[in-house]
């Protein structure tokens, strides 16, 4: 029998998040196999095994665990236990290491590179989303592995930023790998795997979160990391609870402070008063690990962005949208005619600032309503058409946000750095990074060596 089956058997009996399988492994010379083969007489001699645990050991056999292992391998999942070579040493140093981790993708080596968990609110403010993308990017280009959850808000923003920095992402889920939970992030999860990252879960079949699943998952996010960054942590929030896990596991705690008078950031300010390090950039985190990891290097600093505190939902990667034109699109379309016009002329005619005008022109171009001409001039197009998703069916339409359109307009066939694109489209770093990843996923942009990007 595959030794991993013994661990699956124990995890099924004691439950995800239990320290008992690890205790059994450490207390017996033959480990979990000896425990299994010795039978009930051995089981009853170990402290901590309750009556319901013993009943669970009887009700699910090692043979059934072997069948579960074979199914997981058949569908392409990695199955890691504390005896596996790829099992992170970092997790062996927490109180309750997972008996089994199911993985989809490739697990980066978090024991020889700085691994930073970045967590935050689901209902994130625009400022927090931008900073999440920026931190993800800066940590990635600084050589770190970025770890986060699979939720909307900060989790999604951080993952997009890290993928823009061309570094693998670890996303730890509170459900099974085949669960549709958080369906709006399904495409993002696929992209994490496609770009060399991994989805991890303790759960084999759990399709939706249950009681305690988030707490069990959160200890793994912090346990895999050497440092944990919190973005937008209110008092008594789920985000603040990550700090408790980090302290119990002897992990460093970092906080993006945010506005001091905003209750959405109050928990973070409490943590700073309690000794957490306040940070504004990824390099302030990585400098803590310069002497610990030889592979880490100084990150490329990005421009500071303005403090915008209004709430704004994270744009979808592919929003099907409707066919109606926005007010800005109507204004620009009315200013266009069959004769090419310069951006300056269109700016005056439409009343829109240059950045908004360029983004809207690109949107109209993609609809077939505008056409670019030599000399950075534009004229009215012939008909309305919608671009298709790459590889999608003929009925699947793809619309773009204004930010995506503005960044696409700034891209050219020649690779450009993020700083150049920032200057070209007038957007802050966080917005540029998010839009770049979204455009990559749409097949409209391409990452190039040297952390640069060009139009496909």
Protein backbone atom coordinates (compact mmCIF):
# COMPACT_ATOMS: atom_id res chain seq x y z
CA UNK A 1 0.00 0.00 0.00
CA UNK A 2 1.22 3.52 -0.81
CA UNK A 3 2.29 5.17 2.47
CA UNK A 4 0.33 8.27 1.52
CA UNK A 5 -2.86 6.24 1.99
CA UNK A 6 -2.13 5.94 5.73
CA UNK A 7 -2.02 9.72 6.01
CA UNK A 8 -5.28 10.07 4.07
CA UNK A 9 -6.85 7.51 6.41
CA UNK A 10 -5.72 9.46 9.49
CA UNK A 11 -6.82 12.82 8.10
CA UNK A 12 -10.25 11.38 7.34
CA UNK A 13 -10.53 10.10 10.92
CA UNK A 14 -9.25 13.12 12.84
CA UNK A 15 -10.34 15.85 10.43
CA UNK A 16 -8.49 18.55 8.53
CA UNK A 17 -6.47 20.79 10.83
CA UNK A 18 -5.96 18.15 13.54
CA UNK A 19 -2.44 17.80 15.00
CA UNK A 20 -3.00 14.08 15.79
CA UNK A 21 -1.60 12.55 12.56
CA UNK A 22 1.63 14.50 13.07
CA UNK A 23 1.79 13.45 16.74
CA UNK A 24 1.33 9.80 15.76
CA UNK A 25 4.02 10.08 13.10
CA UNK A 26 6.48 11.56 15.61
CA UNK A 27 5.67 9.24 18.52
CA UNK A 28 6.06 5.81 16.86
CA UNK A 29 9.24 4.40 15.29
CA UNK A 30 7.23 3.06 12.36
CA UNK A 31 5.13 6.19 12.10
CA UNK A 32 1.63 6.14 10.67
CA UNK A 33 2.07 2.73 9.05
CA UNK A 34 2.90 1.13 12.41
CA UNK A 35 -0.12 2.81 13.96
CA UNK A 36 -2.41 1.47 11.25
CA UNK A 37 -1.03 -2.07 11.21
CA UNK A 38 -1.04 -2.39 15.02
CA UNK A 39 -4.81 -2.10 15.21
CA UNK A 40 -7.18 -1.04 18.02
CA UNK A 41 -4.90 -2.18 20.84
CA UNK A 42 -2.32 0.41 19.77
CA UNK A 43 -4.94 3.05 19.04
CA UNK A 44 -6.30 2.89 22.59
CA UNK A 45 -2.86 3.39 24.16
CA UNK A 46 -2.29 6.87 22.73
CA UNK A 47 -3.62 9.88 24.59
CA UNK A 48 -5.80 12.31 22.70
CA UNK A 49 -7.75 9.69 20.75
CA UNK A 50 -11.39 10.15 21.63
CA UNK A 51 -14.21 7.66 21.24
CA UNK A 52 -15.48 9.36 18.08
CA UNK A 53 -11.94 9.30 16.63
CA UNK A 54 -11.72 5.55 17.21
CA UNK A 55 -15.10 5.10 15.54
CA UNK A 56 -13.88 7.10 12.54
CA UNK A 57 -10.76 4.92 12.28
CA UNK A 58 -13.03 1.90 12.00
CA UNK A 59 -15.55 3.42 9.59
CA UNK A 60 -13.07 4.40 6.86
CA UNK A 61 -10.53 1.73 5.99
CA UNK A 62 -6.96 2.17 4.70
CA UNK A 63 -8.11 0.41 1.52
CA UNK A 64 -10.69 3.14 0.97
CA UNK A 65 -7.95 5.71 1.57
CA UNK A 66 -5.85 3.99 -1.09
CA UNK A 67 -8.76 4.25 -3.54
CA UNK A 68 -9.09 7.96 -2.73
CA UNK A 69 -5.36 8.43 -3.38
CA UNK A 70 -5.60 6.64 -6.73
CA UNK A 71 -8.53 8.82 -7.77
CA UNK A 72 -6.65 12.00 -6.88
CA UNK A 73 -3.63 10.91 -8.90
CA UNK A 74 -5.83 9.87 -11.81
CA UNK A 75 -7.34 13.35 -12.12
CA UNK A 76 -3.87 14.91 -12.07
CA UNK A 77 -3.57 16.14 -8.47
CA UNK A 78 -0.36 16.05 -6.48
CA UNK A 79 -0.76 14.35 -3.10
CA UNK A 80 1.75 15.50 -0.48
CA UNK A 81 2.22 14.17 3.04
CA UNK A 82 4.88 15.00 5.67
CA UNK A 83 6.92 12.10 4.28
CA UNK A 84 6.92 13.50 0.71
CA UNK A 85 10.09 15.14 -0.61
CA UNK A 86 8.16 18.21 -1.81
CA UNK A 87 6.34 18.76 1.49
CA UNK A 88 7.46 22.19 2.78
CA UNK A 89 9.66 22.14 5.88
CA UNK A 90 7.92 25.35 6.92
CA UNK A 91 4.71 23.41 7.57
CA UNK A 92 6.53 20.85 9.74
CA UNK A 93 7.35 23.68 12.13
CA UNK A 94 3.77 24.59 12.98
CA UNK A 95 1.67 22.98 15.71
CA UNK A 96 -0.76 21.23 13.33
CA UNK A 97 0.89 20.33 10.00
CA UNK A 98 -1.59 19.05 7.40
CA UNK A 99 -1.58 15.26 7.05
CA UNK A 100 -2.40 15.57 3.35
CA UNK A 101 -2.16 18.42 0.86
CA UNK A 102 -3.78 18.08 -2.54
CA UNK A 103 -2.19 20.25 -5.21
CA UNK A 104 -2.96 21.31 -8.75
CA UNK A 105 0.09 22.79 -10.46
CA UNK A 106 3.69 23.10 -9.36
CA UNK A 107 4.57 23.90 -5.74
CA UNK A 108 7.44 26.44 -5.54
CA UNK A 109 10.20 25.80 -3.04
CA UNK A 110 9.12 28.02 -0.15
CA UNK A 111 11.98 26.80 2.03
CA UNK A 112 14.71 28.36 -0.13
CA UNK A 113 12.98 31.56 -1.30
CA UNK A 114 11.23 34.24 0.72
CA UNK A 115 7.56 33.27 0.86
CA UNK A 116 5.21 36.13 1.74
CA UNK A 117 1.51 35.68 2.46
CA UNK A 118 -0.58 38.69 1.44
CA UNK A 119 -4.13 38.76 2.78
CA UNK A 120 -6.92 41.28 3.12
CA UNK A 121 -10.58 42.14 2.90
CA UNK A 122 -12.95 40.66 0.34
CA UNK A 123 -14.94 43.91 0.16
CA UNK A 124 -11.82 45.90 -0.55
CA UNK A 125 -11.55 49.61 -1.16
CA UNK A 126 -10.05 50.86 -4.40
CA UNK A 127 -6.89 51.95 -2.58
CA UNK A 128 -6.49 48.48 -1.08
CA UNK A 129 -7.02 46.71 -4.40
CA UNK A 130 -4.40 48.90 -6.07
CA UNK A 131 -1.92 48.29 -3.24
CA UNK A 132 -2.61 44.56 -3.37
CA UNK A 133 -1.65 44.46 -7.05
CA UNK A 134 1.38 46.63 -6.41
CA UNK A 135 2.63 44.58 -3.45
CA UNK A 136 2.09 41.35 -5.38
CA UNK A 137 4.15 42.68 -8.30
CA UNK A 138 6.94 44.12 -6.17
CA UNK A 139 7.30 40.97 -4.09
CA UNK A 140 7.32 38.83 -7.23
CA UNK A 141 10.05 40.77 -9.02
CA UNK A 142 11.98 40.83 -5.76
CA UNK A 143 12.25 37.04 -5.87
CA UNK A 144 9.50 36.13 -3.41
CA UNK A 145 6.84 33.45 -3.69
CA UNK A 146 3.47 35.09 -3.06
CA UNK A 147 0.87 33.15 -1.07
CA UNK A 148 -2.78 34.12 -0.80
CA UNK A 149 -6.31 32.71 -0.71
CA UNK A 150 -8.77 32.30 -3.53
CA UNK A 151 -11.33 34.97 -2.69
CA UNK A 152 -12.30 38.16 -4.50
CA UNK A 153 -10.91 41.51 -3.36
CA UNK A 154 -7.36 41.53 -2.05
CA UNK A 155 -6.69 37.84 -2.81
CA UNK A 156 -7.45 38.32 -6.51
CA UNK A 157 -5.57 41.62 -6.71
CA UNK A 158 -2.43 40.16 -5.13
CA UNK A 159 -2.47 37.15 -7.44
CA UNK A 160 -2.81 39.35 -10.52
CA UNK A 161 0.03 41.60 -9.39
CA UNK A 162 2.33 38.65 -8.68
CA UNK A 163 1.59 37.07 -12.06
CA UNK A 164 2.44 40.41 -13.68
CA UNK A 165 5.82 40.08 -11.97
CA UNK A 166 6.17 36.62 -13.55
CA UNK A 167 6.49 34.77 -10.25
CA UNK A 168 4.55 31.66 -9.23
CA UNK A 169 1.58 32.12 -6.90
CA UNK A 170 0.40 29.72 -4.20
CA UNK A 171 -3.35 29.91 -3.63
CA UNK A 172 -4.62 27.93 -0.63
CA UNK A 173 -8.32 27.07 -0.86
CA UNK A 174 -10.90 26.29 1.88
CA UNK A 175 -12.57 23.75 -0.44
CA UNK A 176 -11.57 20.87 -2.70
CA UNK A 177 -9.60 21.59 -5.86
CA UNK A 178 -12.57 20.68 -8.05
CA UNK A 179 -15.00 22.96 -6.22
CA UNK A 180 -16.71 25.80 -8.14
CA UNK A 181 -16.58 27.98 -5.01
CA UNK A 182 -15.98 31.65 -5.86
CA UNK A 183 -16.98 31.05 -9.47
CA UNK A 184 -16.01 34.59 -10.53
CA UNK A 185 -12.38 33.71 -9.79
CA UNK A 186 -12.37 30.42 -11.73
CA UNK A 187 -10.46 31.92 -14.64
CA UNK A 188 -7.91 33.44 -12.26
CA UNK A 189 -7.32 30.07 -10.56
CA UNK A 190 -6.71 28.48 -13.97
CA UNK A 191 -4.23 31.23 -14.78
CA UNK A 192 -2.31 30.65 -11.53
CA UNK A 193 -1.72 27.05 -12.59
CA UNK A 194 -0.97 27.97 -16.22
CA UNK A 195 1.68 30.46 -15.08
CA UNK A 196 3.60 27.96 -12.96
CA UNK A 197 1.85 28.37 -9.62
CA UNK A 198 -0.23 25.96 -7.59
CA UNK A 199 -3.62 25.57 -5.95
CA UNK A 200 -3.44 23.77 -2.58
CA UNK A 201 -6.11 22.30 -0.34
CA UNK A 202 -6.42 19.91 2.59
CA UNK A 203 -9.86 18.93 1.35
CA UNK A 204 -10.51 16.03 -1.01
CA UNK A 205 -14.24 16.46 -1.65
CA UNK A 206 -15.51 19.53 0.24
CA UNK A 207 -17.46 21.58 -2.32
CA UNK A 208 -18.36 24.58 -0.16
CA UNK A 209 -16.83 26.03 3.02
CA UNK A 210 -18.09 24.62 6.30
CA UNK A 211 -17.65 25.45 9.96
CA UNK A 212 -13.95 25.95 10.70
CA UNK A 213 -12.72 25.48 7.13
CA UNK A 214 -11.49 29.07 6.78
CA UNK A 215 -9.62 28.91 10.10
CA UNK A 216 -8.00 25.63 9.06
CA UNK A 217 -7.06 27.08 5.66
CA UNK A 218 -5.72 30.34 7.11
CA UNK A 219 -3.16 28.55 9.30
CA UNK A 220 -1.70 27.04 6.12
CA UNK A 221 -1.41 30.40 4.36
CA UNK A 222 0.59 31.80 7.26
CA UNK A 223 2.39 28.52 7.94
CA UNK A 224 3.83 28.35 4.43
CA UNK A 225 5.18 31.90 4.72
CA UNK A 226 8.04 33.52 6.56
CA UNK A 227 6.13 36.82 6.69
CA UNK A 228 2.47 37.86 6.47
CA UNK A 229 1.27 41.18 5.03
CA UNK A 230 -2.20 42.44 5.95
CA UNK A 231 -4.00 44.94 3.72
CA UNK A 232 -7.20 46.58 4.98
CA UNK A 233 -7.73 44.82 8.30
CA UNK A 234 -10.65 46.08 10.37
CA UNK A 235 -10.91 45.28 14.08
CA UNK A 236 -12.29 41.79 14.82
CA UNK A 237 -12.17 40.93 11.13
CA UNK A 238 -11.18 37.69 9.44
CA UNK A 239 -8.12 39.50 8.09
CA UNK A 240 -6.95 40.39 11.60
CA UNK A 241 -7.18 36.73 12.59
CA UNK A 242 -4.30 35.97 10.22
CA UNK A 243 -2.06 37.95 12.55
CA UNK A 244 -2.97 35.59 15.40
CA UNK A 245 -1.97 32.57 13.33
CA UNK A 246 1.26 34.30 12.29
CA UNK A 247 2.24 35.13 15.87
CA UNK A 248 1.46 31.60 17.08
CA UNK A 249 3.64 30.22 14.28
CA UNK A 250 6.45 32.73 14.91
CA UNK A 251 5.99 34.44 11.53
CA UNK A 252 6.71 38.13 10.90
CA UNK A 253 3.70 40.44 10.58
CA UNK A 254 3.60 43.41 8.18
CA UNK A 255 0.78 45.89 7.69
CA UNK A 256 -0.11 48.35 4.96
CA UNK A 257 -1.44 51.07 7.29
CA UNK A 258 -4.01 52.88 5.14
CA UNK A 259 -5.76 56.02 6.37
CA UNK A 260 -5.57 56.21 10.16
CA UNK A 261 -9.10 57.58 10.57
CA UNK A 262 -10.74 54.85 8.44
CA UNK A 263 -12.33 51.99 10.47
CA UNK A 264 -11.57 49.58 7.61
CA UNK A 265 -7.86 49.87 8.52
CA UNK A 266 -8.21 50.16 12.31
CA UNK A 267 -7.17 46.55 13.02
CA UNK A 268 -3.96 47.12 11.09
CA UNK A 269 -3.11 50.18 13.12
CA UNK A 270 -3.67 48.15 16.31
CA UNK A 271 -1.21 45.55 15.04
CA UNK A 272 1.36 48.25 14.26
CA UNK A 273 1.02 49.55 17.82
CA UNK A 274 1.59 45.96 18.98
CA UNK A 275 4.88 45.66 17.05
CA UNK A 276 3.97 44.80 13.44
CA UNK A 277 6.02 46.58 10.79
CA UNK A 278 4.21 49.21 8.71
CA UNK A 279 5.16 48.99 5.02
CA UNK A 280 4.36 50.89 1.84
CA UNK A 281 6.42 48.88 -0.67
CA UNK A 282 7.44 45.30 -1.25
CA UNK A 283 11.13 46.04 -0.79
CA UNK A 284 10.46 47.05 2.83
CA UNK A 285 9.32 43.47 3.44
CA UNK A 286 12.08 41.75 1.48
CA UNK A 287 14.84 43.73 3.19
CA UNK A 288 14.02 41.73 6.33
CA UNK A 289 15.17 38.57 4.55
CA UNK A 290 18.23 39.79 2.62
CA UNK A 291 20.63 37.71 4.72
CA UNK A 292 18.39 34.66 4.97
CA UNK A 293 17.75 33.95 1.30
CA UNK A 294 20.53 34.34 -1.23
CA UNK A 295 18.09 34.28 -4.16
CA UNK A 296 16.27 37.43 -3.06
CA UNK A 297 17.27 40.75 -4.62
CA UNK A 298 16.20 44.35 -4.42
CA UNK A 299 12.82 45.02 -5.94
CA UNK A 300 12.19 47.64 -8.61
CA UNK A 301 10.48 50.54 -6.78
CA UNK A 302 7.25 51.77 -8.33
CA UNK A 303 5.79 55.26 -8.21
CA UNK A 304 3.55 56.07 -5.29
CA UNK A 305 -0.13 56.31 -6.14
CA UNK A 306 -2.70 58.75 -4.89
CA UNK A 307 -4.74 57.95 -1.79
CA UNK A 308 -8.22 57.21 -3.14
CA UNK A 309 -10.61 55.97 -0.52
CA UNK A 310 -13.83 55.35 -2.37
CA UNK A 311 -14.95 51.74 -2.60
CA UNK A 312 -14.70 50.12 -5.98
CA UNK A 313 -15.32 46.48 -6.93
CA UNK A 314 -12.47 44.56 -8.53
CA UNK A 315 -13.05 44.46 -12.30
CA UNK A 316 -13.89 41.03 -13.71
CA UNK A 317 -11.33 39.46 -16.01
CA UNK A 318 -13.91 38.92 -18.71
CA UNK A 319 -17.15 40.76 -18.13
CA UNK A 320 -19.73 39.87 -20.78
CA UNK A 321 -21.52 43.18 -20.27
CA UNK A 322 -24.24 44.58 -22.47
CA UNK A 323 -24.37 46.25 -25.84
CA UNK A 324 -25.13 49.82 -24.67
CA UNK A 325 -22.46 52.50 -25.08
CA UNK A 326 -21.27 54.36 -22.02
CA UNK A 327 -21.74 58.16 -21.86
CA UNK A 328 -18.01 58.65 -22.57
CA UNK A 329 -18.16 56.32 -25.57
CA UNK A 330 -21.13 58.26 -26.95
CA UNK A 331 -19.30 61.59 -26.47
CA UNK A 332 -16.21 60.39 -28.31
CA UNK A 333 -18.21 58.71 -31.07
CA UNK A 334 -20.08 61.97 -31.72
CA UNK A 335 -16.73 63.79 -32.02
CA UNK A 336 -15.45 61.32 -34.63
CA UNK A 337 -16.19 61.47 -38.35
CA UNK A 338 -14.73 59.94 -41.52
CA UNK A 339 -11.79 62.37 -41.55
CA UNK A 340 -8.92 61.41 -39.16
CA UNK A 341 -8.59 63.72 -36.16
CA UNK A 342 -5.76 64.13 -33.67
CA UNK A 343 -6.14 63.35 -29.98
CA UNK A 344 -5.92 67.08 -29.16
CA UNK A 345 -8.84 67.88 -31.49
CA UNK A 346 -10.92 65.00 -30.10
CA UNK A 347 -10.07 66.05 -26.54
CA UNK A 348 -11.51 69.50 -27.17
CA UNK A 349 -14.54 68.19 -29.08
CA UNK A 350 -15.50 65.51 -26.55
CA UNK A 351 -14.63 67.42 -23.38
CA UNK A 352 -12.79 64.39 -21.98
CA UNK A 353 -9.25 64.46 -20.55
CA UNK A 354 -6.54 62.74 -22.59
CA UNK A 355 -6.27 59.61 -20.43
CA UNK A 356 -10.02 58.96 -20.47
CA UNK A 357 -10.21 59.81 -24.16
CA UNK A 358 -7.48 57.34 -25.14
CA UNK A 359 -9.09 54.56 -23.14
CA UNK A 360 -12.48 55.25 -24.71
CA UNK A 361 -10.98 55.37 -28.21
CA UNK A 362 -9.47 51.92 -27.67
CA UNK A 363 -12.83 50.60 -26.48
CA UNK A 364 -14.50 51.97 -29.61
CA UNK A 365 -11.72 50.49 -31.74
CA UNK A 366 -12.40 47.05 -30.31
CA UNK A 367 -16.10 47.49 -31.07
CA UNK A 368 -15.32 48.47 -34.64
CA UNK A 369 -16.75 51.96 -34.13
CA UNK A 370 -13.40 53.78 -34.34
CA UNK A 371 -10.29 53.28 -36.41
CA UNK A 372 -6.73 54.39 -35.65
CA UNK A 373 -4.81 56.13 -38.44
CA UNK A 374 -1.14 57.06 -38.93
CA UNK A 375 0.09 59.95 -36.79
CA UNK A 376 -1.94 58.98 -33.72
CA UNK A 377 -5.17 60.09 -35.32
CA UNK A 378 -8.59 58.48 -35.25
CA UNK A 379 -11.71 58.37 -37.41
CA UNK A 380 -15.14 56.76 -37.19
CA UNK A 381 -15.24 53.02 -37.95
CA UNK A 382 -17.63 51.14 -40.16
CA UNK A 383 -19.59 48.78 -37.92
CA UNK A 384 -19.90 47.45 -34.42
CA UNK A 385 -18.19 44.16 -33.76
CA UNK A 386 -17.12 42.54 -30.51
CA UNK A 387 -13.76 40.81 -30.10
CA UNK A 388 -13.87 37.15 -29.14
CA UNK A 389 -12.07 35.40 -26.37
CA UNK A 390 -9.00 33.60 -27.58
CA UNK A 391 -9.96 29.98 -28.09
CA UNK A 392 -13.57 30.62 -27.08
CA UNK A 393 -16.77 29.77 -28.84
CA UNK A 394 -18.21 32.06 -31.47
CA UNK A 395 -20.94 33.22 -29.11
CA UNK A 396 -18.65 34.38 -26.28
CA UNK A 397 -18.08 38.14 -26.28
CA UNK A 398 -15.40 40.05 -24.43
CA UNK A 399 -15.70 43.65 -23.30
CA UNK A 400 -13.05 45.74 -21.60
CA UNK A 401 -12.89 48.13 -18.69
CA UNK A 402 -11.60 51.66 -19.27
CA UNK A 403 -8.38 50.81 -17.42
CA UNK A 404 -7.73 47.77 -19.59
CA UNK A 405 -8.37 49.85 -22.71
CA UNK A 406 -6.04 52.63 -21.54
CA UNK A 407 -3.18 50.20 -20.91
CA UNK A 408 -3.81 48.40 -24.21
CA UNK A 409 -3.62 51.74 -25.99
CA UNK A 410 -0.24 52.44 -24.33
CA UNK A 411 1.17 49.07 -25.39
CA UNK A 412 3.07 48.74 -28.65
CA UNK A 413 4.86 45.98 -30.53
CA UNK A 414 8.08 47.00 -28.77
CA UNK A 415 8.41 45.75 -25.17
CA UNK A 416 7.99 48.45 -22.51
CA UNK A 417 8.62 48.51 -18.78
CA UNK A 418 5.83 48.99 -16.25
CA UNK A 419 7.16 52.49 -15.50
CA UNK A 420 6.94 53.41 -19.21
CA UNK A 421 3.38 52.11 -19.43
CA UNK A 422 2.49 53.99 -16.26
CA UNK A 423 3.62 57.24 -17.87
CA UNK A 424 1.96 56.34 -21.16
CA UNK A 425 -1.53 55.65 -19.86
CA UNK A 426 -1.66 57.94 -16.84
CA UNK A 427 -2.75 55.20 -14.42
CA UNK A 428 -1.11 54.40 -11.06
CA UNK A 429 1.09 51.34 -10.73
CA UNK A 430 -1.55 49.10 -9.15
CA UNK A 431 -4.05 49.75 -11.95
CA UNK A 432 -1.42 49.17 -14.65
CA UNK A 433 -0.35 45.85 -13.12
CA UNK A 434 -3.89 44.56 -12.79
CA UNK A 435 -4.82 45.59 -16.32
CA UNK A 436 -1.66 44.01 -17.75
CA UNK A 437 -2.47 40.65 -16.21
CA UNK A 438 -6.08 40.87 -17.39
CA UNK A 439 -4.95 41.75 -20.93
CA UNK A 440 -2.48 38.85 -20.84
CA UNK A 441 -5.26 36.48 -19.88
CA UNK A 442 -7.39 37.85 -22.73
CA UNK A 443 -4.56 37.21 -25.18
CA UNK A 444 -4.09 40.93 -25.94
CA UNK A 445 -0.77 41.50 -24.16
CA UNK A 446 2.42 39.46 -23.83
CA UNK A 447 5.03 39.39 -21.08
CA UNK A 448 8.62 39.72 -22.32
CA UNK A 449 12.03 39.13 -20.67
CA UNK A 450 13.15 41.86 -18.29
CA UNK A 451 9.68 42.37 -16.78
CA UNK A 452 8.45 44.18 -19.88
CA UNK A 453 5.25 43.91 -21.88
CA UNK A 454 4.13 44.37 -25.48
CA UNK A 455 0.93 44.19 -27.50
CA UNK A 456 0.17 40.81 -29.07
